[in-house]
Every structure is written in C-alpha cells, then in structure tokens.
Amino acid sequence: MLLAERDKVGFYTSSNLKDWEYTSSFVRQDIGIIECPDLFQLNVDDNSDNKKWVLMIGGNGFNYGLTTGSSYFVGDFDGREFHAETPVKWLE
C-alpha cells in the first residue's frame, strides 16, 4: 500500500490486510505536498520481457512557489522499496 505523507510516499505491506508494516519511503522536497501516489509496471518498447515501474505522484507545490500537477519517476521496485532511475518528470 502507498500513502501520501506530506513530502514522502510511504510504502507498507500486510499479509492479512489488517496489520500493516512500514517498509520504506520515497522522499521528495521538490514537488510540494505529495498527493495520490500510484505505482504500476509498464513494458519498455512493447517488450514484455523488459519492464519498468512508474511511480506517479500528484504534487501541490503552490505554497512553495512550485508547479501543481502530476509528476512521475521511472525506476525499479523490489516489493518493499522504489528506486528512481530518472529525475522528476511532469505530465503536460
């Protein structure tokens, strides 16, 4: 499960969907207050043997003089922690 936690995305796991364990966080201070995180996997170049994870985050940076909108990072996810391979990118 992912939770928006102000300037970070918290990653949690559960074996019974009742008791949750914190596993890691993805901290960003360059997109404002984090909202509505989502994590999904996509094929690279339509090749199902080559996949990457995408972490999409809504960023509300208005109070910080930053933009407001949807940003994303491409990287790897090992089931507990996300590792970005790209800098922040914004949807236009």
N, C-alpha and C. Protein backbone atom coordinates (compact mmCIF):
# COMPACT_ATOMS: atom_id res chain seq x y z
N MET A 1 0.85 -1.17 0.00
CA MET A 1 0.00 0.00 0.00
C MET A 1 0.90 1.23 0.00
N LEU A 2 0.45 2.26 -0.69
CA LEU A 2 1.15 3.54 -0.72
C LEU A 2 0.32 4.58 0.02
N LEU A 3 0.99 5.43 0.79
CA LEU A 3 0.32 6.54 1.46
C LEU A 3 1.07 7.83 1.18
N ALA A 4 0.32 8.88 0.85
CA ALA A 4 0.91 10.21 0.71
C ALA A 4 1.13 10.75 2.12
N GLU A 5 2.37 11.11 2.43
CA GLU A 5 2.73 11.57 3.78
C GLU A 5 3.51 12.88 3.69
N ARG A 6 2.83 13.92 3.27
CA ARG A 6 3.35 15.28 3.10
C ARG A 6 4.45 15.35 2.04
N ASP A 7 5.72 15.13 2.39
CA ASP A 7 6.80 15.22 1.41
C ASP A 7 7.38 13.86 1.05
N LYS A 8 6.63 12.80 1.35
CA LYS A 8 7.11 11.46 1.00
C LYS A 8 5.95 10.53 0.70
N VAL A 9 6.29 9.46 0.00
CA VAL A 9 5.35 8.36 -0.22
C VAL A 9 5.80 7.24 0.72
N GLY A 10 4.90 6.79 1.58
CA GLY A 10 5.19 5.68 2.48
C GLY A 10 4.76 4.37 1.85
N PHE A 11 5.62 3.36 1.93
CA PHE A 11 5.32 2.03 1.41
C PHE A 11 5.06 1.09 2.59
N TYR A 12 3.96 0.34 2.50
CA TYR A 12 3.55 -0.56 3.58
C TYR A 12 3.17 -1.91 3.00
N THR A 13 3.38 -2.97 3.79
CA THR A 13 2.98 -4.31 3.39
C THR A 13 2.12 -4.94 4.48
N SER A 14 1.32 -5.92 4.08
CA SER A 14 0.48 -6.64 5.03
C SER A 14 0.21 -8.04 4.50
N SER A 15 0.21 -9.00 5.39
CA SER A 15 -0.12 -10.36 4.98
C SER A 15 -1.61 -10.66 5.15
N ASN A 16 -2.32 -9.80 5.92
CA ASN A 16 -3.73 -10.06 6.17
C ASN A 16 -4.64 -8.86 5.88
N LEU A 17 -4.09 -7.78 5.36
CA LEU A 17 -4.82 -6.55 5.04
C LEU A 17 -5.45 -5.88 6.26
N LYS A 18 -5.00 -6.27 7.46
CA LYS A 18 -5.44 -5.63 8.70
C LYS A 18 -4.27 -4.99 9.43
N ASP A 19 -3.17 -5.71 9.50
CA ASP A 19 -1.98 -5.25 10.20
C ASP A 19 -0.93 -4.85 9.17
N TRP A 20 -0.52 -3.57 9.20
CA TRP A 20 0.37 -3.04 8.17
C TRP A 20 1.74 -2.74 8.75
N GLU A 21 2.77 -3.04 7.96
CA GLU A 21 4.15 -2.79 8.35
C GLU A 21 4.77 -1.77 7.39
N TYR A 22 5.35 -0.73 7.97
CA TYR A 22 6.07 0.26 7.17
C TYR A 22 7.33 -0.39 6.62
N THR A 23 7.58 -0.24 5.31
CA THR A 23 8.78 -0.85 4.72
C THR A 23 9.79 0.16 4.21
N SER A 24 9.32 1.30 3.69
CA SER A 24 10.26 2.29 3.16
C SER A 24 9.51 3.57 2.82
N SER A 25 10.27 4.56 2.37
CA SER A 25 9.66 5.81 1.91
C SER A 25 10.43 6.34 0.71
N PHE A 26 9.74 7.14 -0.07
CA PHE A 26 10.33 7.84 -1.21
C PHE A 26 10.11 9.32 -0.94
N VAL A 27 11.16 10.02 -0.54
CA VAL A 27 11.06 11.41 -0.09
C VAL A 27 11.38 12.35 -1.24
N ARG A 28 10.52 13.36 -1.42
CA ARG A 28 10.73 14.39 -2.44
C ARG A 28 10.39 15.73 -1.83
N GLN A 29 11.30 16.67 -1.92
CA GLN A 29 11.03 18.01 -1.42
C GLN A 29 11.01 19.02 -2.56
N ASP A 30 10.94 18.52 -3.80
CA ASP A 30 10.97 19.42 -4.96
C ASP A 30 9.66 19.43 -5.74
N ILE A 31 8.59 18.82 -5.19
CA ILE A 31 7.31 18.82 -5.91
C ILE A 31 6.16 19.33 -5.05
N GLY A 32 6.44 19.79 -3.86
CA GLY A 32 5.39 20.27 -2.97
C GLY A 32 4.79 19.15 -2.15
N ILE A 33 3.59 19.37 -1.66
CA ILE A 33 2.91 18.37 -0.85
C ILE A 33 2.46 17.23 -1.75
N ILE A 34 2.81 16.02 -1.38
CA ILE A 34 2.52 14.84 -2.19
C ILE A 34 1.07 14.41 -2.00
N GLU A 35 0.43 14.10 -3.13
CA GLU A 35 -0.96 13.66 -3.13
C GLU A 35 -1.11 12.46 -4.06
N CYS A 36 -2.00 11.56 -3.74
CA CYS A 36 -2.48 10.48 -4.62
C CYS A 36 -1.38 9.68 -5.31
N PRO A 37 -0.48 9.04 -4.58
CA PRO A 37 0.56 8.25 -5.24
C PRO A 37 -0.01 6.98 -5.88
N ASP A 38 0.62 6.55 -6.96
CA ASP A 38 0.24 5.31 -7.64
C ASP A 38 1.51 4.67 -8.18
N LEU A 39 1.58 3.36 -8.12
CA LEU A 39 2.75 2.61 -8.59
C LEU A 39 2.27 1.52 -9.54
N PHE A 40 2.83 1.48 -10.74
CA PHE A 40 2.43 0.47 -11.71
C PHE A 40 3.61 0.11 -12.60
N GLN A 41 3.50 -1.04 -13.24
CA GLN A 41 4.56 -1.56 -14.09
C GLN A 41 4.15 -1.45 -15.56
N LEU A 42 5.11 -1.06 -16.41
CA LEU A 42 4.87 -0.96 -17.85
C LEU A 42 5.97 -1.66 -18.63
N ASN A 43 5.60 -2.17 -19.80
CA ASN A 43 6.59 -2.74 -20.71
C ASN A 43 7.41 -1.61 -21.33
N VAL A 44 8.69 -1.87 -21.56
CA VAL A 44 9.56 -0.91 -22.25
C VAL A 44 9.58 -1.29 -23.72
N ASP A 45 9.26 -0.35 -24.59
CA ASP A 45 9.26 -0.56 -26.04
C ASP A 45 8.41 -1.77 -26.44
N ASP A 46 7.25 -1.95 -25.79
CA ASP A 46 6.33 -3.07 -26.07
C ASP A 46 6.97 -4.44 -25.89
N ASN A 47 8.03 -4.52 -25.10
CA ASN A 47 8.72 -5.78 -24.85
C ASN A 47 8.32 -6.27 -23.45
N SER A 48 7.53 -7.34 -23.39
CA SER A 48 7.04 -7.83 -22.09
C SER A 48 8.15 -8.44 -21.23
N ASP A 49 9.32 -8.67 -21.81
CA ASP A 49 10.45 -9.17 -21.04
C ASP A 49 11.27 -8.04 -20.42
N ASN A 50 10.96 -6.81 -20.79
CA ASN A 50 11.68 -5.64 -20.28
C ASN A 50 10.65 -4.69 -19.67
N LYS A 51 10.58 -4.67 -18.34
CA LYS A 51 9.57 -3.87 -17.65
C LYS A 51 10.22 -2.88 -16.70
N LYS A 52 9.55 -1.77 -16.50
CA LYS A 52 9.97 -0.77 -15.52
C LYS A 52 8.76 -0.37 -14.68
N TRP A 53 9.04 0.08 -13.48
CA TRP A 53 8.00 0.58 -12.60
C TRP A 53 7.89 2.09 -12.74
N VAL A 54 6.67 2.59 -12.64
CA VAL A 54 6.40 4.02 -12.70
C VAL A 54 5.71 4.42 -11.40
N LEU A 55 6.29 5.39 -10.71
CA LEU A 55 5.68 5.96 -9.51
C LEU A 55 5.12 7.32 -9.89
N MET A 56 3.80 7.43 -9.90
CA MET A 56 3.14 8.68 -10.26
C MET A 56 2.68 9.37 -8.97
N ILE A 57 2.93 10.67 -8.90
CA ILE A 57 2.63 11.43 -7.68
C ILE A 57 2.00 12.76 -8.07
N GLY A 58 0.89 13.10 -7.43
CA GLY A 58 0.36 14.44 -7.56
C GLY A 58 1.15 15.35 -6.65
N GLY A 59 1.57 16.49 -7.17
CA GLY A 59 2.34 17.43 -6.37
C GLY A 59 1.63 18.77 -6.29
N ASN A 60 1.41 19.24 -5.08
CA ASN A 60 0.78 20.54 -4.87
C ASN A 60 1.84 21.48 -4.32
N GLY A 61 2.55 22.13 -5.22
CA GLY A 61 3.64 23.00 -4.82
C GLY A 61 3.29 24.47 -4.76
N PHE A 62 2.01 24.79 -4.83
CA PHE A 62 1.59 26.19 -4.89
C PHE A 62 2.16 27.02 -3.74
N ASN A 63 2.07 26.53 -2.52
CA ASN A 63 2.55 27.28 -1.36
C ASN A 63 4.07 27.40 -1.31
N TYR A 64 4.77 26.65 -2.15
CA TYR A 64 6.23 26.67 -2.18
C TYR A 64 6.77 27.35 -3.43
N GLY A 65 5.89 27.95 -4.21
CA GLY A 65 6.31 28.58 -5.45
C GLY A 65 6.64 27.59 -6.54
N LEU A 66 6.13 26.36 -6.40
CA LEU A 66 6.36 25.32 -7.39
C LEU A 66 5.08 25.09 -8.18
N THR A 67 5.19 24.30 -9.21
CA THR A 67 4.02 23.97 -10.02
C THR A 67 3.09 23.01 -9.28
N THR A 68 1.91 22.85 -9.79
CA THR A 68 0.94 21.90 -9.26
C THR A 68 0.51 21.00 -10.41
N GLY A 69 0.53 19.70 -10.19
CA GLY A 69 0.14 18.77 -11.24
C GLY A 69 0.63 17.37 -10.93
N SER A 70 0.70 16.55 -11.97
CA SER A 70 1.12 15.15 -11.82
C SER A 70 2.55 14.98 -12.27
N SER A 71 3.34 14.35 -11.42
CA SER A 71 4.72 14.05 -11.75
C SER A 71 4.92 12.55 -11.71
N TYR A 72 6.02 12.10 -12.31
CA TYR A 72 6.30 10.67 -12.27
C TYR A 72 7.80 10.40 -12.30
N PHE A 73 8.13 9.20 -11.84
CA PHE A 73 9.50 8.71 -11.81
C PHE A 73 9.49 7.31 -12.39
N VAL A 74 10.51 6.95 -13.15
CA VAL A 74 10.67 5.61 -13.68
C VAL A 74 11.80 4.95 -12.91
N GLY A 75 11.61 3.68 -12.54
CA GLY A 75 12.66 3.00 -11.78
C GLY A 75 12.33 1.55 -11.52
N ASP A 76 12.88 1.05 -10.43
CA ASP A 76 12.70 -0.34 -10.02
C ASP A 76 12.00 -0.40 -8.67
N PHE A 77 11.22 -1.46 -8.48
CA PHE A 77 10.53 -1.71 -7.21
C PHE A 77 10.78 -3.16 -6.84
N ASP A 78 11.32 -3.38 -5.64
CA ASP A 78 11.67 -4.74 -5.21
C ASP A 78 10.61 -5.36 -4.29
N GLY A 79 9.44 -4.74 -4.23
CA GLY A 79 8.38 -5.23 -3.36
C GLY A 79 8.34 -4.52 -2.02
N ARG A 80 9.39 -3.77 -1.73
CA ARG A 80 9.46 -3.03 -0.47
C ARG A 80 9.90 -1.58 -0.66
N GLU A 81 10.71 -1.34 -1.69
CA GLU A 81 11.30 -0.01 -1.86
C GLU A 81 11.38 0.35 -3.34
N PHE A 82 11.08 1.61 -3.66
CA PHE A 82 11.17 2.10 -5.02
C PHE A 82 12.48 2.86 -5.18
N HIS A 83 13.20 2.59 -6.28
CA HIS A 83 14.46 3.27 -6.59
C HIS A 83 14.30 3.96 -7.94
N ALA A 84 14.26 5.29 -7.93
CA ALA A 84 14.09 6.06 -9.16
C ALA A 84 15.36 6.01 -10.00
N GLU A 85 15.17 5.86 -11.31
CA GLU A 85 16.28 5.91 -12.26
C GLU A 85 16.26 7.19 -13.07
N THR A 86 15.20 7.98 -12.91
CA THR A 86 15.06 9.22 -13.66
C THR A 86 14.80 10.36 -12.69
N PRO A 87 15.12 11.59 -13.09
CA PRO A 87 14.70 12.74 -12.28
C PRO A 87 13.19 12.91 -12.43
N VAL A 88 12.64 13.80 -11.63
CA VAL A 88 11.20 14.05 -11.70
C VAL A 88 10.83 14.51 -13.11
N LYS A 89 9.71 13.99 -13.61
CA LYS A 89 9.14 14.42 -14.89
C LYS A 89 7.70 14.82 -14.63
N TRP A 90 7.23 15.82 -15.35
CA TRP A 90 5.87 16.33 -15.16
C TRP A 90 5.02 16.01 -16.37
N LEU A 91 3.78 15.60 -16.14
CA LEU A 91 2.83 15.43 -17.23
C LEU A 91 2.37 16.80 -17.69
N GLU A 92 2.25 16.98 -18.98
CA GLU A 92 1.83 18.28 -19.50
C GLU A 92 0.41 18.20 -20.01
